[in-house]
C-alpha cells in the first residue's frame, strides 16, 4: 500500500485548504466567548480550588469531563443553560462539518468563506441525518467496548496491587480509542460519498460499508498513523505548557498563544484525516 503517498496527499490537501482551519478556529473562538465562557465561570465559582490545577493546554471538553466527574451536581442549577449550549453547539458542529467536507472534497483548491458557508447550508440536512443514523452504531460501539473490556475488568478485579488497575484502565482506554477510530472512519467515509457523489444518506452508507469490506484495514491503518502522530505532537504541546508559569503576564500570554496554536493544530489534523480518507477513497472506489 502506498502509505507515504496517501499521507503526503492528505497533508498537502490540509495545507492547501488551511483557510478552513482558520475559519473553524475563528467560529469556535467566537462561540467560546459567547457560550463556553459562562460555563467556565460556573466552574470557577463552584470549584475555584479545583480549577487552577488544570494543565494549561488541556482541551476544554476534557477538562469539562474531569470537572463533572469530580462534582456531578455542579451544573444542576444551570441545566437549561448547559442543555441549550450543547444543542446549539451540536447543530453548529453539523453545519461546520458540512462546510469542511464540502470544501475538502471539491476539486478546486481555492477556498473562500462564502463557499464554505454555502456548503454548510447545502449539506446540513444530510449531515444531520448522518448524526441520527450513527446513533445505533455508537450503541454498538459501546456494546463492543463492554464486551472486549470484560476480560480486562475481570483481571483487575482479582488484583492485589495497584499496577493491574493502572494497566487495565489504560488497556480499556486503548480499546475505546480503537473502536472510536473505526466509528469515525465509517461516517467520515459516508460524508465523503454524500458530497463527492451527490448520493442520499442510505445509499452512501451502503457504499461505505461495501468499500470498507475490502479496504477496512488499509484505511484504518492510515487513520491510526495520523492519530499516533497527533498524540505525539499533542504530548509536546502539553509538556511545553507545564514548563510555563501563570504567575507572570508573559507566561500567561505564551500559554494563551500556545493554546490557540494547539487548537489550530487539532483542526488542521482533522483536515489531514479527511484529506487522506478522500484521497484513498477516490483512488480505490473502483476496486470494490
Protein backbone atom coordinates (compact mmCIF):
# COMPACT_ATOMS: atom_id res chain seq x y z
CA UNK A 1 0.00 0.00 0.00
CA UNK A 2 1.24 3.50 -0.87
CA UNK A 3 1.24 4.75 2.73
CA UNK A 4 3.63 7.65 2.11
CA UNK A 5 1.67 8.70 -0.97
CA UNK A 6 -1.70 8.89 0.82
CA UNK A 7 -0.24 10.60 3.89
CA UNK A 8 1.55 13.14 1.68
CA UNK A 9 -1.66 13.72 -0.29
CA UNK A 10 -3.65 14.29 2.90
CA UNK A 11 -1.11 16.72 4.32
CA UNK A 12 -0.96 18.63 1.03
CA UNK A 13 -4.76 18.87 0.92
CA UNK A 14 -4.79 20.09 4.51
CA UNK A 15 -2.16 22.74 3.79
CA UNK A 16 -3.82 23.90 0.56
CA UNK A 17 -7.11 24.29 2.44
CA UNK A 18 -5.64 25.63 5.67
CA UNK A 19 -8.09 28.54 5.48
CA UNK A 20 -10.76 26.06 6.60
CA UNK A 21 -8.89 25.52 9.87
CA UNK A 22 -8.73 29.30 10.32
CA UNK A 23 -12.48 29.63 9.65
CA UNK A 24 -13.21 26.89 12.19
CA UNK A 25 -10.85 28.45 14.72
CA UNK A 26 -12.48 31.87 14.45
CA UNK A 27 -16.00 30.42 14.71
CA UNK A 28 -15.10 28.22 17.69
CA UNK A 29 -13.35 31.14 19.36
CA UNK A 30 -16.45 33.31 18.91
CA UNK A 31 -18.70 30.54 20.21
CA UNK A 32 -16.40 30.02 23.19
CA UNK A 33 -16.59 33.67 24.14
CA UNK A 34 -20.39 33.72 23.88
CA UNK A 35 -21.27 30.28 25.21
CA UNK A 36 -18.38 28.45 26.89
CA UNK A 37 -17.19 31.46 28.89
CA UNK A 38 -20.31 31.32 31.15
CA UNK A 39 -19.71 27.60 31.74
CA UNK A 40 -16.08 28.28 32.60
CA UNK A 41 -17.27 30.99 35.01
CA UNK A 42 -19.62 28.49 36.68
CA UNK A 43 -16.70 26.09 37.15
CA UNK A 44 -14.52 28.81 38.67
CA UNK A 45 -17.25 29.99 41.04
CA UNK A 46 -18.18 26.49 42.23
CA UNK A 47 -14.83 24.74 42.18
CA UNK A 48 -12.32 27.54 42.46
CA UNK A 49 -9.78 25.36 44.24
CA UNK A 50 -10.02 22.68 41.56
CA UNK A 51 -9.89 24.93 38.51
CA UNK A 52 -6.31 26.31 38.75
CA UNK A 53 -4.83 22.82 38.74
CA UNK A 54 -5.87 22.35 35.13
CA UNK A 55 -2.94 21.62 32.77
CA UNK A 56 -2.61 24.80 30.65
CA UNK A 57 -3.17 23.13 27.26
CA UNK A 58 -5.74 20.53 28.27
CA UNK A 59 -8.64 20.71 25.76
CA UNK A 60 -11.67 22.40 27.31
CA UNK A 61 -14.01 19.46 26.66
CA UNK A 62 -11.67 17.06 28.50
CA UNK A 63 -11.37 19.49 31.40
CA UNK A 64 -15.16 19.74 31.50
CA UNK A 65 -15.46 15.95 31.80
CA UNK A 66 -12.85 15.98 34.57
CA UNK A 67 -14.75 18.65 36.49
CA UNK A 68 -18.08 16.86 36.04
CA UNK A 69 -16.64 13.61 37.38
CA UNK A 70 -15.32 15.48 40.44
CA UNK A 71 -18.67 17.09 41.22
CA UNK A 72 -21.65 15.76 39.25
CA UNK A 73 -24.07 18.27 40.78
CA UNK A 74 -22.17 21.35 39.68
CA UNK A 75 -24.35 22.06 36.62
CA UNK A 76 -27.71 21.11 38.16
CA UNK A 77 -28.84 24.73 38.84
CA UNK A 78 -27.82 25.68 35.30
CA UNK A 79 -29.30 22.69 33.48
CA UNK A 80 -31.27 24.77 30.95
CA UNK A 81 -28.24 26.90 30.08
CA UNK A 82 -25.94 23.90 29.66
CA UNK A 83 -28.53 21.97 27.62
CA UNK A 84 -29.05 24.97 25.31
CA UNK A 85 -25.30 25.33 24.79
CA UNK A 86 -24.97 21.61 24.00
CA UNK A 87 -27.83 21.70 21.47
CA UNK A 88 -26.57 24.85 19.75
CA UNK A 89 -23.03 23.50 19.64
CA UNK A 90 -24.30 20.20 18.22
CA UNK A 91 -26.13 21.95 15.38
CA UNK A 92 -23.15 24.23 14.78
CA UNK A 93 -20.87 21.20 14.59
CA UNK A 94 -23.10 19.61 11.94
CA UNK A 95 -23.03 22.84 9.92
CA UNK A 96 -19.24 23.19 10.22
CA UNK A 97 -18.69 19.56 9.23
CA UNK A 98 -20.86 20.07 6.16
CA UNK A 99 -18.81 23.10 5.16
CA UNK A 100 -15.48 21.37 5.76
CA UNK A 101 -16.33 18.17 3.88
CA UNK A 102 -17.84 20.22 1.06
CA UNK A 103 -14.63 22.22 0.58
CA UNK A 104 -12.23 19.30 1.23
CA UNK A 105 -13.80 17.10 -1.44
CA UNK A 106 -14.11 19.88 -4.00
CA UNK A 107 -11.53 19.71 -6.81
CA UNK A 108 -10.90 23.45 -6.68
CA UNK A 109 -8.22 24.40 -4.18
CA UNK A 110 -9.44 27.98 -3.90
CA UNK A 111 -11.11 28.42 -0.52
CA UNK A 112 -13.31 31.32 0.49
CA UNK A 113 -15.69 31.86 3.35
CA UNK A 114 -18.75 32.23 1.12
CA UNK A 115 -18.31 28.79 -0.46
CA UNK A 116 -17.67 27.32 2.98
CA UNK A 117 -20.99 28.71 4.27
CA UNK A 118 -22.81 27.60 1.10
CA UNK A 119 -21.58 24.03 1.57
CA UNK A 120 -22.62 24.15 5.22
CA UNK A 121 -26.16 25.06 4.16
CA UNK A 122 -26.26 22.68 1.18
CA UNK A 123 -25.28 19.54 3.08
CA UNK A 124 -26.61 20.40 6.54
CA UNK A 125 -29.74 18.23 6.39
CA UNK A 126 -27.93 15.18 5.04
CA UNK A 127 -25.20 15.54 7.67
CA UNK A 128 -27.80 15.98 10.40
CA UNK A 129 -29.44 12.72 9.30
CA UNK A 130 -25.97 11.14 9.34
CA UNK A 131 -25.69 12.01 13.03
CA UNK A 132 -29.05 10.38 13.73
CA UNK A 133 -28.26 7.19 11.81
CA UNK A 134 -24.88 6.95 13.54
CA UNK A 135 -26.52 6.59 16.97
CA UNK A 136 -27.26 2.83 16.64
CA UNK A 137 -23.67 2.32 15.51
CA UNK A 138 -22.48 4.25 18.57
CA UNK A 139 -24.57 1.97 20.80
CA UNK A 140 -22.94 -1.00 19.05
CA UNK A 141 -19.54 0.56 19.73
CA UNK A 142 -20.35 0.82 23.45
CA UNK A 143 -21.54 -2.79 23.45
CA UNK A 144 -18.31 -3.99 21.83
CA UNK A 145 -16.32 -1.89 24.29
CA UNK A 146 -18.04 -3.54 27.25
CA UNK A 147 -17.58 -6.99 25.68
CA UNK A 148 -13.88 -6.52 24.94
CA UNK A 149 -13.27 -4.78 28.26
CA UNK A 150 -14.88 -7.53 30.36
CA UNK A 151 -11.77 -9.78 30.48
CA UNK A 152 -9.62 -6.79 31.46
CA UNK A 153 -12.11 -5.81 34.16
CA UNK A 154 -12.20 -9.38 35.49
CA UNK A 155 -8.40 -9.45 35.60
CA UNK A 156 -8.15 -6.19 37.57
CA UNK A 157 -10.91 -7.31 39.96
CA UNK A 158 -8.61 -10.04 41.27
CA UNK A 159 -5.57 -7.77 41.54
CA UNK A 160 -3.93 -7.18 44.90
CA UNK A 161 -1.60 -4.37 43.81
CA UNK A 162 -2.09 -1.00 42.11
CA UNK A 163 -0.33 -1.78 38.82
CA UNK A 164 -3.01 -4.09 37.35
CA UNK A 165 -5.56 -1.30 37.83
CA UNK A 166 -3.29 1.19 36.04
CA UNK A 167 -2.57 -1.22 33.19
CA UNK A 168 -6.23 -2.29 32.97
CA UNK A 169 -7.56 1.27 32.79
CA UNK A 170 -5.08 2.10 30.03
CA UNK A 171 -6.00 -1.04 28.11
CA UNK A 172 -9.70 -0.17 28.29
CA UNK A 173 -8.91 3.36 27.10
CA UNK A 174 -6.94 1.98 24.14
CA UNK A 175 -9.80 -0.37 23.26
CA UNK A 176 -12.27 2.52 23.28
CA UNK A 177 -9.97 4.72 21.16
CA UNK A 178 -9.53 1.96 18.57
CA UNK A 179 -13.28 1.39 18.36
CA UNK A 180 -13.89 5.15 18.15
CA UNK A 181 -11.46 5.48 15.21
CA UNK A 182 -13.44 2.80 13.35
CA UNK A 183 -16.70 4.64 14.06
CA UNK A 184 -15.24 7.95 12.87
CA UNK A 185 -13.71 6.37 9.78
CA UNK A 186 -17.01 4.83 8.68
CA UNK A 187 -19.01 8.03 8.98
CA UNK A 188 -16.24 10.19 7.52
CA UNK A 189 -16.48 7.92 4.50
CA UNK A 190 -20.27 8.27 4.43
CA UNK A 191 -19.94 12.07 4.41
CA UNK A 192 -17.29 11.95 1.68
CA UNK A 193 -19.59 9.86 -0.52
CA UNK A 194 -22.58 12.13 0.16
CA UNK A 195 -20.62 15.16 -1.01
CA UNK A 196 -18.43 13.73 -3.77
CA UNK A 197 -21.08 11.50 -5.40
CA UNK A 198 -24.24 13.50 -4.53
CA UNK A 199 -25.84 10.41 -3.01
CA UNK A 200 -28.51 10.24 -0.36
CA UNK A 201 -27.70 9.03 3.14
CA UNK A 202 -28.68 5.35 2.98
CA UNK A 203 -27.05 4.67 -0.43
CA UNK A 204 -23.93 6.42 0.88
CA UNK A 205 -23.91 4.25 3.99
CA UNK A 206 -24.27 1.14 1.83
CA UNK A 207 -21.42 2.26 -0.43
CA UNK A 208 -19.20 3.00 2.58
CA UNK A 209 -19.83 -0.44 4.11
CA UNK A 210 -19.14 -2.20 0.80
CA UNK A 211 -15.95 -0.20 0.35
CA UNK A 212 -14.70 -1.00 3.85
CA UNK A 213 -15.36 -4.69 3.30
CA UNK A 214 -12.29 -4.77 1.05
CA UNK A 215 -10.33 -1.76 2.31
CA UNK A 216 -11.02 -1.66 6.04
CA UNK A 217 -7.57 -2.48 7.44
CA UNK A 218 -5.67 -0.40 4.87
CA UNK A 219 -7.71 2.75 5.52
CA UNK A 220 -7.81 2.12 9.28
CA UNK A 221 -4.04 1.78 9.34
CA UNK A 222 -3.67 5.17 7.66
CA UNK A 223 -6.01 6.74 10.22
CA UNK A 224 -4.07 5.15 13.09
CA UNK A 225 -0.76 6.53 11.76
CA UNK A 226 -2.22 10.05 11.64
CA UNK A 227 -3.71 9.58 15.10
CA UNK A 228 -0.37 8.43 16.50
CA UNK A 229 1.35 11.49 15.05
CA UNK A 230 -1.35 13.69 16.57
CA UNK A 231 -0.80 12.14 20.01
CA UNK A 232 2.96 12.75 19.82
CA UNK A 233 2.61 16.42 18.85
CA UNK A 234 -0.14 16.88 21.48
CA UNK A 235 2.20 15.49 24.14
CA UNK A 236 4.85 18.01 23.08
CA UNK A 237 2.35 20.88 23.41
CA UNK A 238 1.23 19.67 26.85
CA UNK A 239 4.78 19.24 28.13
CA UNK A 240 5.65 22.72 26.88
CA UNK A 241 2.67 24.12 28.78
CA UNK A 242 3.83 22.53 32.04
CA UNK A 243 7.09 24.45 31.95
CA UNK A 244 5.31 27.80 31.73
CA UNK A 245 4.31 29.77 34.79
CA UNK A 246 0.97 31.51 35.16
CA UNK A 247 2.28 33.83 37.87
CA UNK A 248 3.69 36.28 35.31
CA UNK A 249 1.95 38.08 32.47
CA UNK A 250 4.48 36.88 29.91
CA UNK A 251 3.84 33.27 30.88
CA UNK A 252 0.08 33.72 30.63
CA UNK A 253 0.40 35.29 27.18
CA UNK A 254 2.63 32.45 25.95
CA UNK A 255 0.16 29.87 27.30
CA UNK A 256 -2.72 31.61 25.51
CA UNK A 257 -0.75 31.66 22.25
CA UNK A 258 0.24 28.00 22.64
CA UNK A 259 -3.33 27.02 23.44
CA UNK A 260 -4.64 28.69 20.29
CA UNK A 261 -1.81 27.21 18.23
CA UNK A 262 -2.73 23.78 19.57
CA UNK A 263 -6.37 24.33 18.66
CA UNK A 264 -5.32 25.26 15.11
CA UNK A 265 -3.15 22.14 15.01
CA UNK A 266 -6.11 19.97 16.07
CA UNK A 267 -8.27 21.50 13.35
CA UNK A 268 -5.52 21.05 10.76
CA UNK A 269 -5.15 17.39 11.79
CA UNK A 270 -8.86 16.95 11.14
CA UNK A 271 -8.34 18.29 7.62
CA UNK A 272 -5.48 15.81 7.12
CA UNK A 273 -7.73 12.92 8.22
CA UNK A 274 -10.38 13.94 5.69
CA UNK A 275 -7.75 14.54 3.01
CA UNK A 276 -6.22 11.08 3.44
CA UNK A 277 -9.62 9.36 3.51
CA UNK A 278 -10.80 11.30 0.46
CA UNK A 279 -7.62 10.54 -1.46
CA UNK A 280 -7.75 6.83 -0.61
CA UNK A 281 -11.43 6.51 -1.49
CA UNK A 282 -11.18 8.41 -4.77
CA UNK A 283 -8.33 6.18 -5.97
CA UNK A 284 -9.76 2.85 -4.84
CA UNK A 285 -13.55 3.13 -5.15
CA UNK A 286 -13.48 1.27 -8.46
CA UNK A 287 -11.75 -1.69 -6.79
CA UNK A 288 -14.54 -2.89 -4.51
